[in-house]
N, C-alpha and C. Protein backbone atom coordinates (compact mmCIF):
# COMPACT_ATOMS: atom_id res chain seq x y z
N MET A 1 65.02 105.01 205.28
CA MET A 1 65.02 105.76 204.06
C MET A 1 63.61 106.26 203.72
N ALA A 2 62.77 106.39 204.71
CA ALA A 2 61.38 106.80 204.49
C ALA A 2 61.27 108.21 203.93
N ASP A 3 62.26 109.06 204.16
CA ASP A 3 62.21 110.43 203.65
C ASP A 3 62.79 110.54 202.25
N PHE A 4 63.29 109.45 201.70
CA PHE A 4 63.90 109.45 200.38
C PHE A 4 62.82 109.49 199.32
N ARG A 5 62.86 110.53 198.47
CA ARG A 5 61.88 110.69 197.39
C ARG A 5 62.58 110.65 196.06
N MET A 6 62.00 109.89 195.14
CA MET A 6 62.55 109.77 193.79
C MET A 6 61.44 110.03 192.79
N LEU A 7 61.78 110.77 191.74
CA LEU A 7 60.83 111.08 190.68
C LEU A 7 61.36 110.54 189.36
N ILE A 8 60.51 109.83 188.63
CA ILE A 8 60.85 109.37 187.29
C ILE A 8 59.90 110.08 186.33
N ILE A 9 60.48 110.79 185.36
CA ILE A 9 59.70 111.52 184.35
C ILE A 9 59.67 110.70 183.07
N ARG A 10 58.46 110.36 182.62
CA ARG A 10 58.28 109.61 181.37
C ARG A 10 56.97 110.05 180.77
N THR A 11 57.01 110.64 179.58
CA THR A 11 55.82 111.26 179.02
C THR A 11 55.26 110.55 177.80
N GLY A 12 55.51 109.29 177.63
CA GLY A 12 55.02 108.60 176.45
C GLY A 12 53.57 108.18 176.57
N GLY A 13 53.16 107.34 175.63
CA GLY A 13 51.81 106.81 175.61
C GLY A 13 51.67 105.65 176.59
N LEU A 14 50.55 104.96 176.51
CA LEU A 14 50.28 103.85 177.41
C LEU A 14 51.34 102.76 177.27
N GLY A 15 51.68 102.41 176.04
CA GLY A 15 52.70 101.38 175.82
C GLY A 15 54.04 101.77 176.41
N ASP A 16 54.46 103.03 176.20
CA ASP A 16 55.72 103.51 176.78
C ASP A 16 55.68 103.41 178.29
N SER A 17 54.55 103.74 178.87
CA SER A 17 54.41 103.69 180.33
C SER A 17 54.48 102.27 180.84
N LEU A 18 53.78 101.35 180.18
CA LEU A 18 53.80 99.95 180.61
C LEU A 18 55.19 99.34 180.48
N LEU A 19 55.94 99.77 179.47
CA LEU A 19 57.30 99.26 179.28
C LEU A 19 58.25 99.77 180.34
N LEU A 20 57.83 100.76 181.12
CA LEU A 20 58.63 101.27 182.22
C LEU A 20 58.55 100.36 183.46
N TRP A 21 57.58 99.42 183.46
CA TRP A 21 57.35 98.58 184.63
C TRP A 21 58.61 97.86 185.13
N PRO A 22 59.40 97.18 184.29
CA PRO A 22 60.59 96.50 184.84
C PRO A 22 61.55 97.48 185.54
N ALA A 23 61.68 98.68 185.03
CA ALA A 23 62.55 99.68 185.66
C ALA A 23 61.97 100.12 187.01
N VAL A 24 60.66 100.35 187.06
CA VAL A 24 60.01 100.76 188.31
C VAL A 24 60.16 99.65 189.36
N ALA A 25 59.92 98.41 188.96
CA ALA A 25 60.06 97.28 189.90
C ALA A 25 61.50 97.15 190.38
N ALA A 26 62.47 97.43 189.50
CA ALA A 26 63.88 97.35 189.88
C ALA A 26 64.26 98.47 190.84
N VAL A 27 63.69 99.65 190.66
CA VAL A 27 63.91 100.75 191.61
C VAL A 27 63.34 100.37 192.97
N ARG A 28 62.15 99.80 192.97
CA ARG A 28 61.52 99.40 194.23
C ARG A 28 62.35 98.33 194.95
N ARG A 29 62.95 97.40 194.19
CA ARG A 29 63.84 96.41 194.81
C ARG A 29 65.03 97.09 195.48
N ARG A 30 65.57 98.12 194.83
CA ARG A 30 66.74 98.83 195.36
C ARG A 30 66.38 99.69 196.55
N PHE A 31 65.21 100.35 196.49
CA PHE A 31 64.78 101.27 197.54
C PHE A 31 63.37 100.91 198.01
N PRO A 32 63.22 99.84 198.79
CA PRO A 32 61.88 99.37 199.16
C PRO A 32 61.08 100.37 199.99
N ASP A 33 61.74 101.25 200.73
CA ASP A 33 61.01 102.18 201.59
C ASP A 33 60.93 103.60 201.04
N ALA A 34 61.47 103.83 199.87
CA ALA A 34 61.47 105.17 199.29
C ALA A 34 60.08 105.55 198.79
N ARG A 35 59.88 106.83 198.64
CA ARG A 35 58.66 107.35 197.99
C ARG A 35 59.01 107.50 196.52
N LEU A 36 58.40 106.70 195.67
CA LEU A 36 58.66 106.69 194.23
C LEU A 36 57.47 107.27 193.49
N GLU A 37 57.71 108.39 192.80
CA GLU A 37 56.63 109.05 192.07
C GLU A 37 56.98 109.12 190.59
N LEU A 38 55.95 109.02 189.77
CA LEU A 38 56.11 109.08 188.32
C LEU A 38 55.43 110.35 187.82
N LEU A 39 56.07 111.03 186.88
CA LEU A 39 55.50 112.26 186.32
C LEU A 39 55.31 112.07 184.82
N GLY A 40 54.11 112.29 184.37
CA GLY A 40 53.77 112.15 182.96
C GLY A 40 52.28 112.32 182.81
N HIS A 41 51.68 111.38 182.11
CA HIS A 41 50.22 111.37 181.94
C HIS A 41 49.68 110.34 182.94
N PRO A 42 49.02 110.80 184.01
CA PRO A 42 48.64 109.88 185.09
C PRO A 42 47.74 108.73 184.64
N ASP A 43 46.87 108.95 183.66
CA ASP A 43 46.02 107.86 183.21
C ASP A 43 46.84 106.74 182.58
N ARG A 44 48.01 107.07 182.03
CA ARG A 44 48.88 106.07 181.41
C ARG A 44 49.85 105.45 182.42
N LEU A 45 50.21 106.22 183.44
CA LEU A 45 51.17 105.75 184.44
C LEU A 45 50.50 105.05 185.62
N ARG A 46 49.21 105.28 185.82
CA ARG A 46 48.50 104.73 186.97
C ARG A 46 48.62 103.21 187.11
N PRO A 47 48.68 102.44 186.01
CA PRO A 47 48.84 100.98 186.19
C PRO A 47 50.13 100.60 186.92
N LEU A 48 51.11 101.51 186.98
CA LEU A 48 52.37 101.21 187.66
C LEU A 48 52.32 101.57 189.14
N VAL A 49 51.20 102.14 189.59
CA VAL A 49 51.01 102.48 191.00
C VAL A 49 50.31 101.29 191.66
N VAL A 50 51.13 100.34 192.05
CA VAL A 50 50.68 99.08 192.62
C VAL A 50 51.71 98.63 193.66
N PRO A 51 51.36 97.68 194.51
CA PRO A 51 52.36 97.15 195.43
C PRO A 51 53.59 96.66 194.65
N GLY A 52 54.76 97.04 195.11
CA GLY A 52 55.99 96.69 194.42
C GLY A 52 56.34 97.63 193.29
N GLY A 53 55.52 98.67 193.13
CA GLY A 53 55.74 99.65 192.06
C GLY A 53 55.83 101.06 192.61
N ALA A 54 55.28 101.99 191.88
CA ALA A 54 55.33 103.40 192.26
C ALA A 54 54.27 103.71 193.32
N ASP A 55 54.49 104.84 194.00
CA ASP A 55 53.54 105.30 195.01
C ASP A 55 52.51 106.28 194.44
N ALA A 56 52.87 106.97 193.34
CA ALA A 56 51.96 107.96 192.79
C ALA A 56 52.27 108.21 191.32
N ALA A 57 51.24 108.55 190.56
CA ALA A 57 51.37 108.98 189.17
C ALA A 57 50.92 110.43 189.13
N LEU A 58 51.86 111.33 188.87
CA LEU A 58 51.60 112.77 188.90
C LEU A 58 51.40 113.30 187.48
N ASP A 59 50.57 114.33 187.38
CA ASP A 59 50.23 114.92 186.09
C ASP A 59 51.29 115.93 185.66
N ILE A 60 51.81 115.75 184.47
CA ILE A 60 52.81 116.67 183.93
C ILE A 60 52.20 118.05 183.69
N GLU A 61 50.90 118.08 183.38
CA GLU A 61 50.22 119.36 183.17
C GLU A 61 50.17 120.11 184.49
N GLY A 62 50.66 121.30 184.50
CA GLY A 62 50.66 122.12 185.71
C GLY A 62 51.89 121.90 186.58
N SER A 63 52.78 120.99 186.19
CA SER A 63 53.98 120.74 187.00
C SER A 63 55.05 121.80 186.79
N GLY A 64 54.98 122.50 185.66
CA GLY A 64 56.00 123.48 185.34
C GLY A 64 57.21 122.89 184.63
N LEU A 65 57.17 121.61 184.33
CA LEU A 65 58.31 120.97 183.66
C LEU A 65 58.64 121.67 182.35
N HIS A 66 57.65 122.15 181.63
CA HIS A 66 57.88 122.80 180.34
C HIS A 66 58.83 123.99 180.46
N ARG A 67 58.91 124.60 181.63
CA ARG A 67 59.80 125.75 181.84
C ARG A 67 61.27 125.35 181.91
N LEU A 68 61.54 124.05 182.08
CA LEU A 68 62.92 123.60 182.31
C LEU A 68 63.63 123.14 181.05
N PHE A 69 63.03 123.36 179.90
CA PHE A 69 63.67 122.97 178.64
C PHE A 69 64.45 124.12 178.00
N ASP A 70 64.30 125.33 178.51
CA ASP A 70 65.01 126.50 177.98
C ASP A 70 66.41 126.57 178.55
N LEU A 71 67.32 127.18 177.78
CA LEU A 71 68.70 127.32 178.26
C LEU A 71 68.81 128.28 179.43
N SER A 72 68.04 129.35 179.43
CA SER A 72 68.06 130.32 180.53
C SER A 72 66.62 130.53 181.02
N PRO A 73 66.09 129.57 181.74
CA PRO A 73 64.68 129.65 182.11
C PRO A 73 64.42 130.61 183.27
N GLU A 74 63.22 131.14 183.27
CA GLU A 74 62.71 131.85 184.45
C GLU A 74 61.79 130.84 185.13
N VAL A 75 62.24 130.34 186.26
CA VAL A 75 61.52 129.25 186.92
C VAL A 75 60.83 129.78 188.17
N PRO A 76 59.51 129.69 188.23
CA PRO A 76 58.78 130.12 189.42
C PRO A 76 59.19 129.32 190.65
N GLU A 77 59.06 129.91 191.80
CA GLU A 77 59.47 129.27 193.05
C GLU A 77 58.72 127.96 193.28
N GLU A 78 57.43 127.88 192.93
CA GLU A 78 56.69 126.64 193.17
C GLU A 78 57.23 125.49 192.31
N VAL A 79 57.75 125.80 191.14
CA VAL A 79 58.36 124.77 190.29
C VAL A 79 59.69 124.34 190.89
N ARG A 80 60.49 125.30 191.33
CA ARG A 80 61.77 124.98 191.99
C ARG A 80 61.51 124.11 193.24
N SER A 81 60.53 124.50 193.99
CA SER A 81 60.21 123.79 195.23
C SER A 81 59.76 122.36 194.94
N PHE A 82 58.91 122.19 193.93
CA PHE A 82 58.42 120.86 193.59
C PHE A 82 59.57 119.94 193.20
N PHE A 83 60.36 120.32 192.20
CA PHE A 83 61.43 119.46 191.72
C PHE A 83 62.58 119.38 192.73
N GLY A 84 62.78 120.43 193.50
CA GLY A 84 63.82 120.41 194.53
C GLY A 84 63.48 119.55 195.72
N GLY A 85 62.24 119.08 195.81
CA GLY A 85 61.82 118.23 196.92
C GLY A 85 62.20 116.76 196.75
N PHE A 86 62.85 116.44 195.65
CA PHE A 86 63.24 115.05 195.38
C PHE A 86 64.74 114.88 195.56
N GLN A 87 65.13 113.78 196.19
CA GLN A 87 66.55 113.48 196.32
C GLN A 87 67.12 113.02 194.99
N VAL A 88 66.29 112.35 194.19
CA VAL A 88 66.71 111.88 192.87
C VAL A 88 65.60 112.17 191.87
N VAL A 89 65.99 112.71 190.71
CA VAL A 89 65.07 112.89 189.60
C VAL A 89 65.69 112.22 188.38
N VAL A 90 64.90 111.38 187.74
CA VAL A 90 65.32 110.70 186.51
C VAL A 90 64.38 111.14 185.41
N ALA A 91 64.94 111.59 184.29
CA ALA A 91 64.12 112.00 183.16
C ALA A 91 64.49 111.16 181.95
N PHE A 92 63.49 110.54 181.36
CA PHE A 92 63.68 109.89 180.07
C PHE A 92 63.24 110.93 179.04
N ALA A 93 64.22 111.58 178.41
CA ALA A 93 63.95 112.74 177.57
C ALA A 93 64.60 112.61 176.20
N ALA A 94 64.12 113.41 175.26
CA ALA A 94 64.62 113.39 173.88
C ALA A 94 66.05 113.91 173.81
N PRO A 95 66.78 113.55 172.75
CA PRO A 95 68.18 113.95 172.63
C PRO A 95 68.42 115.47 172.71
N GLY A 96 67.51 116.28 172.22
CA GLY A 96 67.70 117.73 172.22
C GLY A 96 67.35 118.40 173.53
N ASP A 97 66.94 117.65 174.52
CA ASP A 97 66.51 118.22 175.80
C ASP A 97 67.66 118.32 176.80
N PHE A 98 68.84 118.75 176.31
CA PHE A 98 70.03 118.76 177.16
C PHE A 98 69.95 119.77 178.30
N ALA A 99 69.12 120.80 178.21
CA ALA A 99 69.00 121.78 179.29
C ALA A 99 68.20 121.24 180.47
N LEU A 100 67.40 120.22 180.24
CA LEU A 100 66.50 119.71 181.27
C LEU A 100 67.24 119.26 182.52
N ALA A 101 68.26 118.43 182.38
CA ALA A 101 68.98 117.91 183.55
C ALA A 101 69.63 119.05 184.33
N GLU A 102 70.23 119.98 183.62
CA GLU A 102 70.88 121.11 184.29
C GLU A 102 69.86 121.94 185.06
N ASN A 103 68.71 122.17 184.47
CA ASN A 103 67.69 122.98 185.14
C ASN A 103 67.03 122.24 186.30
N LEU A 104 66.89 120.92 186.20
CA LEU A 104 66.37 120.14 187.33
C LEU A 104 67.35 120.24 188.50
N SER A 105 68.65 120.18 188.21
CA SER A 105 69.67 120.34 189.26
C SER A 105 69.58 121.72 189.88
N ALA A 106 69.39 122.75 189.04
CA ALA A 106 69.29 124.12 189.53
C ALA A 106 68.07 124.32 190.43
N CYS A 107 67.06 123.47 190.27
CA CYS A 107 65.87 123.54 191.13
C CYS A 107 66.16 122.99 192.52
N GLY A 108 67.26 122.28 192.67
CA GLY A 108 67.62 121.75 193.98
C GLY A 108 67.47 120.26 194.13
N ALA A 109 67.11 119.56 193.05
CA ALA A 109 67.04 118.10 193.14
C ALA A 109 68.44 117.59 193.47
N GLY A 110 68.51 116.64 194.42
CA GLY A 110 69.80 116.17 194.90
C GLY A 110 70.66 115.51 193.84
N GLU A 111 70.08 114.65 193.05
CA GLU A 111 70.81 113.89 192.02
C GLU A 111 69.90 113.83 190.81
N VAL A 112 70.42 114.16 189.65
CA VAL A 112 69.61 114.18 188.43
C VAL A 112 70.28 113.32 187.36
N HIS A 113 69.47 112.50 186.71
CA HIS A 113 69.95 111.68 185.60
C HIS A 113 68.98 111.84 184.44
N ALA A 114 69.52 112.03 183.25
CA ALA A 114 68.71 112.11 182.04
C ALA A 114 69.15 111.00 181.10
N PHE A 115 68.19 110.23 180.63
CA PHE A 115 68.46 109.13 179.71
C PHE A 115 67.57 109.30 178.49
N LEU A 116 68.05 108.80 177.36
CA LEU A 116 67.20 108.74 176.18
C LEU A 116 66.07 107.76 176.45
N PRO A 117 64.87 108.03 175.95
CA PRO A 117 63.75 107.12 176.21
C PRO A 117 63.87 105.79 175.45
N PHE A 118 64.71 105.79 174.41
CA PHE A 118 64.88 104.60 173.59
C PHE A 118 66.37 104.29 173.45
N PRO A 119 66.72 103.03 173.21
CA PRO A 119 68.13 102.71 172.98
C PRO A 119 68.61 103.40 171.70
N SER A 120 69.90 103.61 171.62
CA SER A 120 70.49 104.21 170.42
C SER A 120 70.24 103.32 169.22
N ALA A 121 70.17 103.93 168.03
CA ALA A 121 70.00 103.16 166.80
C ALA A 121 71.13 102.15 166.69
N GLY A 122 70.81 100.96 166.33
CA GLY A 122 71.81 99.92 166.19
C GLY A 122 72.07 99.16 167.47
N GLN A 123 71.56 99.65 168.59
CA GLN A 123 71.73 98.94 169.86
C GLN A 123 70.60 97.92 169.97
N ALA A 124 70.95 96.66 170.01
CA ALA A 124 69.97 95.58 170.01
C ALA A 124 69.48 95.30 171.43
N ILE A 125 68.59 96.15 171.91
CA ILE A 125 68.05 96.00 173.25
C ILE A 125 66.60 96.49 173.24
N HIS A 126 65.76 95.81 173.96
CA HIS A 126 64.35 96.21 174.05
C HIS A 126 64.23 97.49 174.90
N VAL A 127 63.24 98.29 174.61
CA VAL A 127 63.02 99.54 175.33
C VAL A 127 62.87 99.31 176.84
N ALA A 128 62.15 98.27 177.23
CA ALA A 128 61.97 97.97 178.66
C ALA A 128 63.31 97.66 179.32
N ASP A 129 64.15 96.91 178.64
CA ASP A 129 65.47 96.58 179.19
C ASP A 129 66.37 97.82 179.22
N HIS A 130 66.24 98.67 178.22
CA HIS A 130 67.03 99.90 178.18
C HIS A 130 66.75 100.77 179.41
N ALA A 131 65.49 100.96 179.75
CA ALA A 131 65.14 101.79 180.92
C ALA A 131 65.68 101.17 182.20
N LYS A 132 65.48 99.88 182.36
CA LYS A 132 65.95 99.19 183.57
C LYS A 132 67.47 99.25 183.66
N GLN A 133 68.17 98.95 182.57
CA GLN A 133 69.63 98.96 182.58
C GLN A 133 70.18 100.37 182.82
N SER A 134 69.50 101.38 182.31
CA SER A 134 69.93 102.76 182.55
C SER A 134 69.94 103.05 184.05
N LEU A 135 68.88 102.67 184.74
CA LEU A 135 68.79 102.92 186.18
C LEU A 135 69.73 102.03 186.98
N CYS A 136 69.89 100.78 186.57
CA CYS A 136 70.85 99.89 187.25
C CYS A 136 72.26 100.42 187.08
N GLY A 137 72.56 101.00 185.93
CA GLY A 137 73.89 101.50 185.64
C GLY A 137 74.34 102.65 186.53
N VAL A 138 73.39 103.36 187.13
CA VAL A 138 73.74 104.46 188.05
C VAL A 138 73.32 104.11 189.48
N ASN A 139 73.14 102.82 189.73
CA ASN A 139 72.85 102.30 191.07
C ASN A 139 71.53 102.82 191.66
N LEU A 140 70.56 103.07 190.80
CA LEU A 140 69.25 103.50 191.26
C LEU A 140 68.23 102.36 191.20
N ALA A 141 68.68 101.20 190.75
CA ALA A 141 67.79 100.05 190.63
C ALA A 141 68.61 98.79 190.89
N ALA A 142 67.92 97.76 191.36
CA ALA A 142 68.56 96.47 191.60
C ALA A 142 68.09 95.49 190.55
N ASP A 143 69.03 94.92 189.83
CA ASP A 143 68.67 93.95 188.80
C ASP A 143 68.04 92.73 189.46
N GLY A 144 67.27 92.02 188.72
CA GLY A 144 66.61 90.83 189.23
C GLY A 144 65.50 90.43 188.28
N GLU A 145 64.77 89.42 188.64
CA GLU A 145 63.68 88.94 187.80
C GLU A 145 62.57 89.98 187.75
N ASP A 146 62.07 90.22 186.55
CA ASP A 146 60.99 91.19 186.38
C ASP A 146 59.66 90.56 186.78
N PRO A 147 59.02 91.10 187.81
CA PRO A 147 57.72 90.54 188.21
C PRO A 147 56.64 90.93 187.20
N LEU A 148 55.59 90.15 187.17
CA LEU A 148 54.44 90.52 186.36
C LEU A 148 53.83 91.78 186.94
N LEU A 149 53.30 92.61 186.09
CA LEU A 149 52.62 93.83 186.54
C LEU A 149 51.29 93.43 187.16
N PRO A 150 51.12 93.67 188.46
CA PRO A 150 49.87 93.24 189.09
C PRO A 150 48.71 94.16 188.71
N ALA A 151 47.53 93.59 188.66
CA ALA A 151 46.33 94.38 188.42
C ALA A 151 45.71 94.72 189.76
N ARG A 152 45.15 95.93 189.85
CA ARG A 152 44.48 96.35 191.09
C ARG A 152 43.13 95.63 191.18
N GLN A 153 42.62 95.50 192.40
CA GLN A 153 41.35 94.81 192.63
C GLN A 153 40.21 95.44 191.85
N ASP A 154 40.17 96.78 191.79
CA ASP A 154 39.09 97.43 191.05
C ASP A 154 39.18 97.12 189.55
N GLU A 155 40.40 96.98 189.03
CA GLU A 155 40.57 96.63 187.62
C GLU A 155 40.12 95.19 187.36
N LEU A 156 40.48 94.29 188.27
CA LEU A 156 40.06 92.90 188.12
C LEU A 156 38.54 92.77 188.17
N ALA A 157 37.93 93.49 189.10
CA ALA A 157 36.47 93.44 189.23
C ALA A 157 35.80 94.00 187.97
N ALA A 158 36.34 95.09 187.44
CA ALA A 158 35.78 95.67 186.21
C ALA A 158 35.93 94.71 185.04
N GLY A 159 37.06 94.01 184.97
CA GLY A 159 37.29 93.03 183.91
C GLY A 159 36.33 91.86 183.99
N VAL A 160 36.12 91.34 185.19
CA VAL A 160 35.18 90.23 185.38
C VAL A 160 33.77 90.68 185.00
N ALA A 161 33.40 91.88 185.41
CA ALA A 161 32.06 92.39 185.07
C ALA A 161 31.89 92.53 183.55
N ARG A 162 32.90 93.02 182.88
CA ARG A 162 32.82 93.21 181.42
C ARG A 162 32.73 91.86 180.71
N LEU A 163 33.54 90.90 181.15
CA LEU A 163 33.47 89.57 180.54
C LEU A 163 32.09 88.95 180.74
N SER A 164 31.49 89.17 181.91
CA SER A 164 30.15 88.66 182.18
C SER A 164 29.13 89.33 181.24
N GLU A 165 29.25 90.65 181.05
CA GLU A 165 28.36 91.37 180.14
C GLU A 165 28.43 90.81 178.72
N LEU A 166 29.61 90.37 178.32
CA LEU A 166 29.82 89.85 176.97
C LEU A 166 29.60 88.34 176.89
N SER A 167 29.16 87.73 177.98
CA SER A 167 28.95 86.28 178.08
C SER A 167 30.22 85.51 177.78
N LEU A 168 31.35 86.04 178.22
CA LEU A 168 32.65 85.40 178.00
C LEU A 168 33.27 84.89 179.30
N GLU A 169 32.56 85.03 180.39
CA GLU A 169 33.08 84.62 181.69
C GLU A 169 33.40 83.12 181.68
N GLY A 170 34.62 82.78 182.12
CA GLY A 170 35.03 81.39 182.22
C GLY A 170 35.48 80.78 180.90
N ARG A 171 35.46 81.52 179.83
CA ARG A 171 35.89 80.99 178.53
C ARG A 171 37.36 81.36 178.29
N PRO A 172 38.09 80.52 177.56
CA PRO A 172 39.48 80.87 177.26
C PRO A 172 39.53 82.10 176.35
N LEU A 173 40.46 82.99 176.65
CA LEU A 173 40.60 84.23 175.87
C LEU A 173 42.04 84.43 175.44
N VAL A 174 42.20 85.13 174.35
CA VAL A 174 43.52 85.54 173.90
C VAL A 174 43.44 87.04 173.64
N ALA A 175 44.39 87.78 174.19
CA ALA A 175 44.46 89.22 173.93
C ALA A 175 45.77 89.49 173.19
N MET A 176 45.69 90.30 172.16
CA MET A 176 46.88 90.58 171.37
C MET A 176 47.03 92.08 171.13
N ALA A 177 48.26 92.52 171.17
CA ALA A 177 48.63 93.87 170.75
C ALA A 177 49.77 93.66 169.76
N PRO A 178 49.47 93.45 168.50
CA PRO A 178 50.47 92.97 167.55
C PRO A 178 51.56 93.95 167.13
N GLY A 179 51.44 95.19 167.44
CA GLY A 179 52.46 96.13 166.98
C GLY A 179 52.60 97.31 167.91
N SER A 180 53.42 98.24 167.50
CA SER A 180 53.65 99.45 168.28
C SER A 180 54.19 100.51 167.33
N GLY A 181 54.50 101.67 167.88
CA GLY A 181 55.05 102.75 167.08
C GLY A 181 56.52 102.56 166.75
N SER A 182 57.15 101.53 167.29
CA SER A 182 58.58 101.30 167.06
C SER A 182 58.88 99.82 167.20
N ALA A 183 59.69 99.29 166.32
CA ALA A 183 60.06 97.88 166.39
C ALA A 183 60.79 97.57 167.69
N ARG A 184 61.47 98.57 168.29
CA ARG A 184 62.20 98.35 169.53
C ARG A 184 61.26 98.17 170.72
N LYS A 185 59.97 98.39 170.53
CA LYS A 185 59.00 98.18 171.60
C LYS A 185 58.31 96.83 171.49
N ASN A 186 58.54 96.13 170.40
CA ASN A 186 57.91 94.83 170.19
C ASN A 186 58.78 93.74 170.78
N PHE A 187 58.16 92.82 171.52
CA PHE A 187 58.88 91.68 172.03
C PHE A 187 59.04 90.65 170.92
N HIS A 188 60.08 89.88 170.98
CA HIS A 188 60.31 88.82 170.00
C HIS A 188 59.16 87.83 170.10
N PRO A 189 58.66 87.35 168.96
CA PRO A 189 57.51 86.42 169.00
C PRO A 189 57.78 85.21 169.85
């Protein structure tokens, strides 16, 4: 399955991107040899480009994705070619973006799925679980234990250097991110 390419589109902030990790890991479990690419803001998606995760974080700017939200789009050939080069495209998109899936299919993507980026109101499920369950529900991911998101060696080295600069090396630390833009993104205490 080395020629199998899958694209996941997610355009949120850093927190939204990090919450995509269980879904990315579940896709990798299902398709260990596939080429898995993420499209959004690469600086936010790059932490998911690790062993057991995605292969690349692509920049939404210049991708032509914005052309695919119109009902009758004029789509340049390079945009058709880009999106048509994937066997599967998954978009986590807003409720009003109903033209997106149809236009991705028209570009030649083999299989297209569009999911809401968040669970429906009243649905008691965490955003991370929603993304993973959405992909498992269409057989694009294998359920299983969610691995910890690994840090790259350069990130670990930068962290150690920064702790040393602050004279905190070897001391116990606590890091907190107490809130988010949505209660559905907060884990239970």
